[in-house]
């Protein structure tokens, strides 16, 4: 874990053009779900950014649209600010990589069942068990910003980050 924190924290702030790959177990309903404990989701964030202050990003976008720079971000639930690149859990045991998502960021997810890429039929069935995600980003930034103009942060557990690279340069690769 120290490896990813050390390597990423040495980057300059606002590093754009990154490809970040994570592997997570998706949040799923358990009732009558034959896929519980069998599904992994591998996600690639292409052209993502690290080291951008969320509040500043939102306020800068508001200013460009002619609105007042008065957005105040709230602390993420159960987390605190560690540095420009990471959140830390309130109990100090977990770290979360702050991946910045802009309108040009591409997010590609692949689901695996028992280590094999899910078939189209399995994927359709898996999607019926996925928990819906609630987001209040649009509500927080609704002062004139369209959804494509909004800046989002995805914060996966740092233990779930498989790799971070910029072009051909590998910044982090999980052992």
N, C-alpha and C. Protein backbone atom coordinates (compact mmCIF):
# COMPACT_ATOMS: atom_id res chain seq x y z
N UNK A 1 0.83 -1.20 0.00
CA UNK A 1 0.00 0.00 0.00
C UNK A 1 0.86 1.25 0.00
N UNK A 2 1.93 1.24 0.80
CA UNK A 2 2.81 2.40 0.85
C UNK A 2 3.35 2.72 -0.54
N UNK A 3 3.55 1.68 -1.35
CA UNK A 3 4.11 1.84 -2.67
C UNK A 3 3.27 2.80 -3.53
N UNK A 4 1.96 2.59 -3.60
CA UNK A 4 1.11 3.44 -4.42
C UNK A 4 1.04 4.85 -3.84
N UNK A 5 0.97 4.97 -2.53
CA UNK A 5 0.89 6.29 -1.91
C UNK A 5 2.17 7.08 -2.18
N UNK A 6 3.32 6.43 -2.01
CA UNK A 6 4.59 7.09 -2.28
C UNK A 6 4.72 7.50 -3.74
N UNK A 7 4.46 6.57 -4.64
CA UNK A 7 4.65 6.85 -6.07
C UNK A 7 3.71 7.93 -6.58
N UNK A 8 2.45 7.85 -6.24
CA UNK A 8 1.48 8.82 -6.74
C UNK A 8 1.69 10.18 -6.08
N UNK A 9 1.99 10.19 -4.79
CA UNK A 9 2.16 11.46 -4.08
C UNK A 9 3.37 12.25 -4.58
N UNK A 10 4.28 11.61 -5.30
CA UNK A 10 5.44 12.30 -5.87
C UNK A 10 5.12 12.99 -7.19
N UNK A 11 3.95 12.71 -7.76
CA UNK A 11 3.58 13.33 -9.03
C UNK A 11 3.32 14.82 -8.84
N UNK A 12 3.44 15.56 -9.93
CA UNK A 12 3.02 16.96 -9.91
C UNK A 12 1.50 16.96 -9.84
N UNK A 13 0.94 18.00 -9.25
CA UNK A 13 -0.52 18.11 -9.17
C UNK A 13 -1.09 18.34 -10.57
N UNK A 14 -2.32 17.92 -10.74
CA UNK A 14 -3.07 18.09 -11.99
C UNK A 14 -2.40 17.37 -13.16
N UNK A 15 -2.09 16.10 -12.96
CA UNK A 15 -1.52 15.27 -14.02
C UNK A 15 -2.68 14.74 -14.86
N UNK A 16 -2.73 15.19 -16.12
CA UNK A 16 -3.79 14.79 -17.04
C UNK A 16 -3.32 13.65 -17.93
N UNK A 17 -4.26 13.03 -18.63
CA UNK A 17 -3.94 12.03 -19.64
C UNK A 17 -3.54 10.68 -19.09
N UNK A 18 -3.97 10.36 -17.90
CA UNK A 18 -3.60 9.10 -17.28
C UNK A 18 -4.58 7.98 -17.65
N UNK A 19 -4.05 6.76 -17.64
CA UNK A 19 -4.90 5.58 -17.74
C UNK A 19 -4.77 4.83 -16.42
N UNK A 20 -5.87 4.72 -15.71
CA UNK A 20 -5.88 4.11 -14.38
C UNK A 20 -6.79 2.89 -14.45
N UNK A 21 -6.28 1.75 -13.98
CA UNK A 21 -7.05 0.51 -14.01
C UNK A 21 -7.30 0.04 -12.58
N UNK A 22 -8.56 -0.28 -12.28
CA UNK A 22 -8.93 -0.77 -10.96
C UNK A 22 -9.67 -2.09 -11.10
N UNK A 23 -9.64 -2.88 -10.04
CA UNK A 23 -10.42 -4.13 -9.97
C UNK A 23 -11.19 -4.11 -8.66
N UNK A 24 -12.50 -4.19 -8.76
CA UNK A 24 -13.35 -4.13 -7.58
C UNK A 24 -14.41 -5.22 -7.63
N UNK A 25 -15.00 -5.46 -6.48
CA UNK A 25 -16.17 -6.33 -6.43
C UNK A 25 -17.37 -5.38 -6.43
N UNK A 26 -18.20 -5.43 -7.47
CA UNK A 26 -19.30 -4.47 -7.54
C UNK A 26 -20.32 -4.69 -6.43
N UNK A 27 -20.93 -3.60 -6.00
CA UNK A 27 -21.99 -3.68 -4.99
C UNK A 27 -23.22 -4.31 -5.63
N UNK A 28 -23.63 -5.44 -5.07
CA UNK A 28 -24.77 -6.17 -5.63
C UNK A 28 -25.74 -6.57 -4.52
N UNK A 29 -27.02 -6.64 -4.90
CA UNK A 29 -28.01 -7.19 -3.99
C UNK A 29 -27.72 -8.68 -3.81
N UNK A 30 -27.90 -9.19 -2.61
CA UNK A 30 -27.54 -10.58 -2.32
C UNK A 30 -28.70 -11.56 -2.45
N UNK A 31 -29.93 -11.09 -2.29
CA UNK A 31 -31.09 -11.97 -2.30
C UNK A 31 -31.23 -12.68 -3.65
N UNK A 32 -31.22 -14.00 -3.61
CA UNK A 32 -31.37 -14.85 -4.80
C UNK A 32 -30.35 -14.54 -5.90
N UNK A 33 -29.19 -14.08 -5.51
CA UNK A 33 -28.16 -13.69 -6.48
C UNK A 33 -27.12 -14.81 -6.62
N UNK A 34 -27.10 -15.50 -7.76
CA UNK A 34 -26.15 -16.60 -7.96
C UNK A 34 -24.71 -16.11 -8.19
N UNK A 35 -24.52 -14.79 -8.31
CA UNK A 35 -23.21 -14.23 -8.61
C UNK A 35 -22.46 -13.68 -7.39
N UNK A 36 -23.06 -13.76 -6.21
CA UNK A 36 -22.44 -13.21 -5.01
C UNK A 36 -21.06 -13.83 -4.81
N UNK A 37 -20.05 -12.98 -4.67
CA UNK A 37 -18.69 -13.43 -4.44
C UNK A 37 -17.99 -13.97 -5.67
N UNK A 38 -18.62 -13.93 -6.82
CA UNK A 38 -18.04 -14.50 -8.04
C UNK A 38 -17.69 -13.45 -9.09
N UNK A 39 -18.12 -12.20 -8.88
CA UNK A 39 -17.97 -11.17 -9.91
C UNK A 39 -16.88 -10.17 -9.54
N UNK A 40 -16.04 -9.85 -10.51
CA UNK A 40 -15.06 -8.76 -10.40
C UNK A 40 -15.32 -7.80 -11.54
N UNK A 41 -15.12 -6.54 -11.27
CA UNK A 41 -15.30 -5.50 -12.28
C UNK A 41 -13.94 -4.82 -12.47
N UNK A 42 -13.41 -4.88 -13.67
CA UNK A 42 -12.15 -4.22 -13.99
C UNK A 42 -12.50 -2.97 -14.79
N UNK A 43 -12.10 -1.82 -14.28
CA UNK A 43 -12.45 -0.55 -14.90
C UNK A 43 -11.19 0.20 -15.31
N UNK A 44 -11.21 0.73 -16.54
CA UNK A 44 -10.14 1.59 -17.04
C UNK A 44 -10.69 2.99 -17.15
N UNK A 45 -9.97 3.93 -16.54
CA UNK A 45 -10.29 5.34 -16.65
C UNK A 45 -9.23 5.91 -17.60
N UNK A 46 -9.64 6.24 -18.82
CA UNK A 46 -8.72 6.70 -19.84
C UNK A 46 -8.84 8.21 -19.97
N UNK A 47 -7.71 8.87 -19.92
CA UNK A 47 -7.62 10.34 -19.94
C UNK A 47 -8.22 10.93 -18.66
N UNK A 48 -7.87 10.31 -17.55
CA UNK A 48 -8.28 10.80 -16.23
C UNK A 48 -7.21 11.74 -15.70
N UNK A 49 -7.46 12.33 -14.55
CA UNK A 49 -6.53 13.28 -13.95
C UNK A 49 -6.36 12.97 -12.47
N UNK A 50 -5.19 13.24 -11.96
CA UNK A 50 -4.90 13.10 -10.52
C UNK A 50 -4.37 14.43 -10.00
N UNK A 51 -4.66 14.71 -8.74
CA UNK A 51 -4.07 15.87 -8.08
C UNK A 51 -4.80 17.18 -8.33
N UNK A 52 -6.09 17.14 -8.66
CA UNK A 52 -6.86 18.36 -8.86
C UNK A 52 -7.76 18.57 -7.65
N UNK A 53 -7.76 19.75 -7.11
CA UNK A 53 -8.62 20.09 -5.98
C UNK A 53 -10.06 20.21 -6.49
N UNK A 54 -10.94 19.41 -5.95
CA UNK A 54 -12.33 19.35 -6.40
C UNK A 54 -13.02 20.71 -6.33
N UNK A 55 -12.93 21.36 -5.18
CA UNK A 55 -13.61 22.64 -5.00
C UNK A 55 -13.09 23.68 -6.00
N UNK A 56 -11.78 23.75 -6.19
CA UNK A 56 -11.21 24.69 -7.15
C UNK A 56 -11.67 24.39 -8.57
N UNK A 57 -11.72 23.12 -8.92
CA UNK A 57 -12.15 22.73 -10.27
C UNK A 57 -13.58 23.18 -10.54
N UNK A 58 -14.46 22.96 -9.57
CA UNK A 58 -15.86 23.37 -9.74
C UNK A 58 -15.95 24.88 -9.81
N UNK A 59 -15.28 25.59 -8.92
CA UNK A 59 -15.35 27.06 -8.93
C UNK A 59 -14.77 27.65 -10.20
N UNK A 60 -13.70 27.08 -10.73
CA UNK A 60 -13.13 27.58 -11.98
C UNK A 60 -14.10 27.38 -13.14
N UNK A 61 -14.80 26.27 -13.15
CA UNK A 61 -15.79 26.04 -14.20
C UNK A 61 -16.97 27.01 -14.07
N UNK A 62 -17.39 27.27 -12.84
CA UNK A 62 -18.46 28.24 -12.62
C UNK A 62 -18.03 29.63 -13.12
N UNK A 63 -16.82 30.03 -12.80
CA UNK A 63 -16.32 31.34 -13.22
C UNK A 63 -16.27 31.46 -14.73
N UNK A 64 -15.85 30.40 -15.42
CA UNK A 64 -15.81 30.43 -16.89
C UNK A 64 -17.20 30.58 -17.50
N UNK A 65 -18.21 30.15 -16.78
CA UNK A 65 -19.58 30.28 -17.26
C UNK A 65 -20.23 31.60 -16.82
N UNK A 66 -19.45 32.43 -16.09
CA UNK A 66 -19.95 33.72 -15.66
C UNK A 66 -20.66 33.71 -14.33
N UNK A 67 -20.56 32.62 -13.59
CA UNK A 67 -21.19 32.52 -12.28
C UNK A 67 -20.17 32.83 -11.19
N UNK A 68 -20.68 33.11 -10.01
CA UNK A 68 -19.81 33.39 -8.87
C UNK A 68 -19.08 32.13 -8.42
N UNK A 69 -17.83 32.31 -8.02
CA UNK A 69 -17.02 31.18 -7.54
C UNK A 69 -17.31 30.97 -6.06
N UNK A 70 -18.47 30.43 -5.74
CA UNK A 70 -18.87 30.30 -4.34
C UNK A 70 -19.21 28.87 -3.93
N UNK A 71 -18.79 27.90 -4.73
CA UNK A 71 -19.08 26.51 -4.41
C UNK A 71 -18.20 26.05 -3.24
N UNK A 72 -18.81 25.43 -2.25
CA UNK A 72 -18.10 24.88 -1.10
C UNK A 72 -18.32 23.38 -1.08
N UNK A 73 -17.24 22.62 -1.24
CA UNK A 73 -17.39 21.16 -1.24
C UNK A 73 -17.48 20.65 0.19
N UNK A 74 -18.18 19.54 0.34
CA UNK A 74 -18.31 18.89 1.64
C UNK A 74 -17.30 17.75 1.72
N UNK A 75 -16.90 17.42 2.91
CA UNK A 75 -16.00 16.28 3.09
C UNK A 75 -16.73 15.02 2.65
N UNK A 76 -16.04 14.12 1.95
CA UNK A 76 -16.71 12.88 1.54
C UNK A 76 -17.07 12.05 2.76
N UNK A 77 -18.20 11.39 2.68
CA UNK A 77 -18.69 10.60 3.81
C UNK A 77 -17.68 9.52 4.20
N UNK A 78 -17.29 9.50 5.47
CA UNK A 78 -16.40 8.49 6.01
C UNK A 78 -14.94 8.67 5.65
N UNK A 79 -14.61 9.80 5.01
CA UNK A 79 -13.24 10.04 4.57
C UNK A 79 -12.79 11.44 4.97
N UNK A 80 -11.47 11.61 4.97
CA UNK A 80 -10.89 12.93 5.18
C UNK A 80 -9.80 13.14 4.14
N UNK A 81 -9.46 14.40 3.94
CA UNK A 81 -8.43 14.74 2.97
C UNK A 81 -7.07 14.29 3.49
N UNK A 82 -6.32 13.54 2.67
CA UNK A 82 -4.97 13.12 3.04
C UNK A 82 -3.95 14.01 2.34
N UNK A 83 -4.03 14.07 1.01
CA UNK A 83 -3.23 15.01 0.22
C UNK A 83 -3.97 15.24 -1.10
N UNK A 84 -3.33 15.86 -2.07
CA UNK A 84 -4.00 16.17 -3.32
C UNK A 84 -4.43 14.94 -4.10
N UNK A 85 -3.88 13.78 -3.78
CA UNK A 85 -4.12 12.57 -4.54
C UNK A 85 -4.98 11.53 -3.82
N UNK A 86 -5.08 11.62 -2.51
CA UNK A 86 -5.75 10.57 -1.73
C UNK A 86 -6.67 11.14 -0.66
N UNK A 87 -7.75 10.36 -0.41
CA UNK A 87 -8.53 10.51 0.81
C UNK A 87 -8.04 9.42 1.75
N UNK A 88 -8.32 9.59 3.04
CA UNK A 88 -8.00 8.58 4.03
C UNK A 88 -9.26 8.32 4.85
N UNK A 89 -9.47 7.07 5.24
CA UNK A 89 -10.63 6.74 6.06
C UNK A 89 -10.49 7.43 7.42
N UNK A 90 -11.61 7.67 8.07
CA UNK A 90 -11.58 8.35 9.37
C UNK A 90 -10.82 7.55 10.41
N UNK A 91 -10.75 6.21 10.24
CA UNK A 91 -9.99 5.38 11.18
C UNK A 91 -8.52 5.24 10.76
N UNK A 92 -8.14 5.96 9.70
CA UNK A 92 -6.76 5.99 9.19
C UNK A 92 -6.27 4.67 8.62
N UNK A 93 -7.15 3.71 8.36
CA UNK A 93 -6.72 2.39 7.89
C UNK A 93 -6.76 2.23 6.38
N UNK A 94 -7.55 3.02 5.67
CA UNK A 94 -7.68 2.86 4.22
C UNK A 94 -7.38 4.17 3.52
N UNK A 95 -6.88 4.03 2.29
CA UNK A 95 -6.63 5.18 1.43
C UNK A 95 -7.44 5.01 0.15
N UNK A 96 -7.89 6.13 -0.40
CA UNK A 96 -8.71 6.13 -1.60
C UNK A 96 -8.09 7.08 -2.62
N UNK A 97 -7.81 6.58 -3.82
CA UNK A 97 -7.23 7.39 -4.87
C UNK A 97 -8.30 8.31 -5.46
N UNK A 98 -8.02 9.60 -5.53
CA UNK A 98 -8.97 10.58 -6.07
C UNK A 98 -8.76 10.71 -7.57
N UNK A 99 -9.57 10.00 -8.34
CA UNK A 99 -9.48 10.02 -9.79
C UNK A 99 -10.44 11.09 -10.32
N UNK A 100 -9.90 12.07 -11.00
CA UNK A 100 -10.71 13.14 -11.57
C UNK A 100 -11.26 12.74 -12.92
N UNK A 101 -12.56 12.98 -13.10
CA UNK A 101 -13.25 12.61 -14.32
C UNK A 101 -13.77 13.89 -14.99
N UNK A 102 -13.30 14.13 -16.21
CA UNK A 102 -13.78 15.25 -17.01
C UNK A 102 -14.65 14.71 -18.14
N UNK A 103 -15.21 15.59 -18.93
CA UNK A 103 -16.10 15.15 -20.02
C UNK A 103 -15.38 14.31 -21.06
N UNK A 104 -14.07 14.47 -21.21
CA UNK A 104 -13.34 13.69 -22.20
C UNK A 104 -12.79 12.37 -21.63
N UNK A 105 -12.99 12.12 -20.35
CA UNK A 105 -12.53 10.87 -19.74
C UNK A 105 -13.41 9.72 -20.22
N UNK A 106 -12.76 8.64 -20.65
CA UNK A 106 -13.48 7.44 -21.09
C UNK A 106 -13.40 6.42 -19.96
N UNK A 107 -14.54 5.84 -19.62
CA UNK A 107 -14.59 4.82 -18.57
C UNK A 107 -15.08 3.53 -19.21
N UNK A 108 -14.20 2.52 -19.18
CA UNK A 108 -14.53 1.21 -19.75
C UNK A 108 -14.51 0.17 -18.64
N UNK A 109 -15.60 -0.56 -18.49
CA UNK A 109 -15.67 -1.60 -17.46
C UNK A 109 -15.90 -2.96 -18.09
N UNK A 110 -15.20 -3.95 -17.56
CA UNK A 110 -15.37 -5.33 -17.99
C UNK A 110 -15.68 -6.16 -16.75
N UNK A 111 -16.72 -6.97 -16.84
CA UNK A 111 -17.11 -7.82 -15.72
C UNK A 111 -16.56 -9.23 -15.95
N UNK A 112 -16.10 -9.84 -14.86
CA UNK A 112 -15.58 -11.20 -14.89
C UNK A 112 -16.38 -12.04 -13.91
N UNK A 113 -16.71 -13.26 -14.32
CA UNK A 113 -17.38 -14.22 -13.46
C UNK A 113 -16.44 -15.41 -13.30
N UNK A 114 -16.07 -15.71 -12.08
CA UNK A 114 -15.14 -16.81 -11.79
C UNK A 114 -13.86 -16.70 -12.62
N UNK A 115 -13.38 -15.47 -12.80
CA UNK A 115 -12.11 -15.25 -13.51
C UNK A 115 -12.21 -15.19 -15.02
N UNK A 116 -13.39 -15.41 -15.58
CA UNK A 116 -13.58 -15.37 -17.03
C UNK A 116 -14.46 -14.17 -17.39
N UNK A 117 -14.21 -13.57 -18.56
CA UNK A 117 -15.04 -12.45 -18.99
C UNK A 117 -16.50 -12.92 -19.05
N UNK A 118 -17.37 -12.11 -18.47
CA UNK A 118 -18.80 -12.45 -18.45
C UNK A 118 -19.36 -12.52 -19.86
N UNK A 119 -20.19 -13.52 -20.10
CA UNK A 119 -20.87 -13.64 -21.39
C UNK A 119 -21.94 -12.56 -21.46
N UNK A 120 -22.42 -12.22 -22.65
CA UNK A 120 -23.51 -11.23 -22.74
C UNK A 120 -24.72 -11.61 -21.88
N UNK A 121 -25.05 -12.90 -21.82
CA UNK A 121 -26.18 -13.35 -21.00
C UNK A 121 -25.89 -13.14 -19.52
N UNK A 122 -24.67 -13.50 -19.08
CA UNK A 122 -24.30 -13.28 -17.68
C UNK A 122 -24.32 -11.80 -17.34
N UNK A 123 -23.80 -10.97 -18.24
CA UNK A 123 -23.76 -9.53 -18.01
C UNK A 123 -25.16 -8.95 -17.83
N UNK A 124 -26.07 -9.39 -18.67
CA UNK A 124 -27.46 -8.94 -18.54
C UNK A 124 -28.03 -9.32 -17.18
N UNK A 125 -27.75 -10.54 -16.74
CA UNK A 125 -28.25 -11.01 -15.45
C UNK A 125 -27.56 -10.28 -14.29
N UNK A 126 -26.25 -10.08 -14.40
CA UNK A 126 -25.49 -9.36 -13.36
C UNK A 126 -26.07 -7.97 -13.16
N UNK A 127 -26.38 -7.29 -14.25
CA UNK A 127 -26.88 -5.91 -14.16
C UNK A 127 -28.20 -5.82 -13.39
N UNK A 128 -28.98 -6.90 -13.37
CA UNK A 128 -30.23 -6.87 -12.60
C UNK A 128 -29.97 -6.88 -11.10
N UNK A 129 -28.77 -7.32 -10.68
CA UNK A 129 -28.44 -7.40 -9.26
C UNK A 129 -27.58 -6.22 -8.78
N UNK A 130 -27.06 -5.41 -9.70
CA UNK A 130 -26.22 -4.29 -9.28
C UNK A 130 -27.02 -3.26 -8.52
N UNK A 131 -26.42 -2.74 -7.47
CA UNK A 131 -27.07 -1.68 -6.70
C UNK A 131 -26.93 -0.38 -7.47
N UNK A 132 -28.00 0.38 -7.51
CA UNK A 132 -27.94 1.66 -8.21
C UNK A 132 -27.13 2.64 -7.38
N UNK A 133 -26.38 3.46 -8.09
CA UNK A 133 -25.55 4.46 -7.41
C UNK A 133 -26.30 5.76 -7.36
N UNK A 134 -26.31 6.35 -6.19
CA UNK A 134 -26.92 7.67 -6.08
C UNK A 134 -25.80 8.70 -6.14
N UNK A 135 -26.08 9.76 -6.83
CA UNK A 135 -25.07 10.82 -6.93
C UNK A 135 -25.74 12.15 -6.67
N UNK A 136 -25.04 12.97 -5.93
CA UNK A 136 -25.56 14.31 -5.69
C UNK A 136 -24.64 15.36 -6.30
N UNK A 137 -23.75 14.94 -7.19
CA UNK A 137 -22.84 15.88 -7.83
C UNK A 137 -23.62 16.91 -8.63
N UNK A 138 -24.59 16.46 -9.42
CA UNK A 138 -25.36 17.39 -10.23
C UNK A 138 -26.07 18.40 -9.35
N UNK A 139 -26.61 17.95 -8.24
CA UNK A 139 -27.31 18.86 -7.32
C UNK A 139 -26.32 19.88 -6.73
N UNK A 140 -25.13 19.41 -6.39
CA UNK A 140 -24.14 20.30 -5.79
C UNK A 140 -23.63 21.33 -6.78
N UNK A 141 -23.53 20.96 -8.07
CA UNK A 141 -22.94 21.84 -9.06
C UNK A 141 -23.98 22.42 -10.01
N UNK A 142 -25.24 22.44 -9.61
CA UNK A 142 -26.28 22.78 -10.56
C UNK A 142 -26.40 24.27 -10.87
N UNK A 143 -25.49 25.06 -10.39
CA UNK A 143 -25.55 26.50 -10.62
C UNK A 143 -25.13 26.85 -12.04
N UNK A 144 -25.77 26.23 -13.02
CA UNK A 144 -25.52 26.58 -14.40
C UNK A 144 -24.60 25.64 -15.15
N UNK A 145 -24.05 24.62 -14.51
CA UNK A 145 -23.17 23.69 -15.20
C UNK A 145 -23.98 22.50 -15.72
N UNK A 146 -23.80 22.19 -16.99
CA UNK A 146 -24.44 21.00 -17.53
C UNK A 146 -23.67 19.79 -17.01
N UNK A 147 -24.25 18.60 -17.18
CA UNK A 147 -23.60 17.40 -16.68
C UNK A 147 -22.22 17.19 -17.32
N UNK A 148 -22.08 17.49 -18.60
CA UNK A 148 -20.78 17.31 -19.26
C UNK A 148 -19.75 18.35 -18.82
N UNK A 149 -20.20 19.46 -18.26
CA UNK A 149 -19.27 20.48 -17.77
C UNK A 149 -18.83 20.22 -16.34
N UNK A 150 -19.50 19.32 -15.66
CA UNK A 150 -19.20 19.08 -14.26
C UNK A 150 -17.94 18.23 -14.10
N UNK A 151 -17.27 18.44 -13.01
CA UNK A 151 -16.07 17.69 -12.65
C UNK A 151 -16.47 16.68 -11.58
N UNK A 152 -16.08 15.42 -11.76
CA UNK A 152 -16.43 14.37 -10.82
C UNK A 152 -15.16 13.73 -10.27
N UNK A 153 -15.27 13.18 -9.09
CA UNK A 153 -14.18 12.39 -8.53
C UNK A 153 -14.71 10.99 -8.23
N UNK A 154 -13.96 10.01 -8.68
CA UNK A 154 -14.20 8.61 -8.33
C UNK A 154 -13.07 8.26 -7.38
N UNK A 155 -13.39 7.65 -6.24
CA UNK A 155 -12.36 7.39 -5.23
C UNK A 155 -12.36 5.91 -4.82
N UNK A 156 -11.76 5.05 -5.66
CA UNK A 156 -11.67 3.64 -5.27
C UNK A 156 -10.63 3.43 -4.18
N UNK A 157 -10.81 2.38 -3.42
CA UNK A 157 -9.83 2.00 -2.41
C UNK A 157 -8.49 1.81 -3.13
N UNK A 158 -7.44 2.40 -2.60
CA UNK A 158 -6.12 2.32 -3.24
C UNK A 158 -5.66 0.88 -3.41
N UNK A 159 -6.12 -0.03 -2.56
CA UNK A 159 -5.77 -1.44 -2.70
C UNK A 159 -6.33 -2.05 -3.98
N UNK A 160 -7.35 -1.43 -4.54
CA UNK A 160 -7.99 -1.96 -5.75
C UNK A 160 -7.38 -1.39 -7.04
N UNK A 161 -6.40 -0.50 -6.92
CA UNK A 161 -5.77 0.07 -8.11
C UNK A 161 -4.74 -0.92 -8.64
N UNK A 162 -4.90 -1.31 -9.89
CA UNK A 162 -3.98 -2.25 -10.52
C UNK A 162 -2.80 -1.54 -11.17
N UNK A 163 -3.09 -0.43 -11.85
CA UNK A 163 -2.01 0.28 -12.53
C UNK A 163 -2.39 1.72 -12.82
N UNK A 164 -1.34 2.53 -12.97
CA UNK A 164 -1.49 3.92 -13.38
C UNK A 164 -0.38 4.17 -14.39
N UNK A 165 -0.76 4.67 -15.56
CA UNK A 165 0.28 4.99 -16.53
C UNK A 165 -0.07 6.25 -17.29
N UNK A 166 0.98 6.88 -17.79
CA UNK A 166 0.86 8.09 -18.60
C UNK A 166 1.58 7.79 -19.91
N UNK A 167 0.81 7.56 -20.97
CA UNK A 167 1.41 7.11 -22.23
C UNK A 167 2.05 5.75 -22.00
N UNK A 168 3.32 5.62 -22.34
CA UNK A 168 4.04 4.36 -22.14
C UNK A 168 4.69 4.28 -20.76
N UNK A 169 4.72 5.39 -20.03
CA UNK A 169 5.38 5.42 -18.72
C UNK A 169 4.46 4.83 -17.64
N UNK A 170 4.95 3.79 -16.98
CA UNK A 170 4.18 3.17 -15.90
C UNK A 170 4.54 3.89 -14.60
N UNK A 171 3.54 4.50 -13.99
CA UNK A 171 3.73 5.23 -12.74
C UNK A 171 3.60 4.28 -11.57
N UNK A 172 2.62 3.38 -11.66
CA UNK A 172 2.38 2.40 -10.60
C UNK A 172 1.87 1.12 -11.23
N UNK A 173 2.37 0.01 -10.76
CA UNK A 173 1.90 -1.32 -11.18
C UNK A 173 1.82 -2.17 -9.93
N UNK A 174 0.63 -2.68 -9.62
CA UNK A 174 0.48 -3.52 -8.43
C UNK A 174 1.23 -4.82 -8.64
N UNK A 175 1.94 -5.23 -7.60
CA UNK A 175 2.72 -6.47 -7.67
C UNK A 175 1.83 -7.68 -7.73
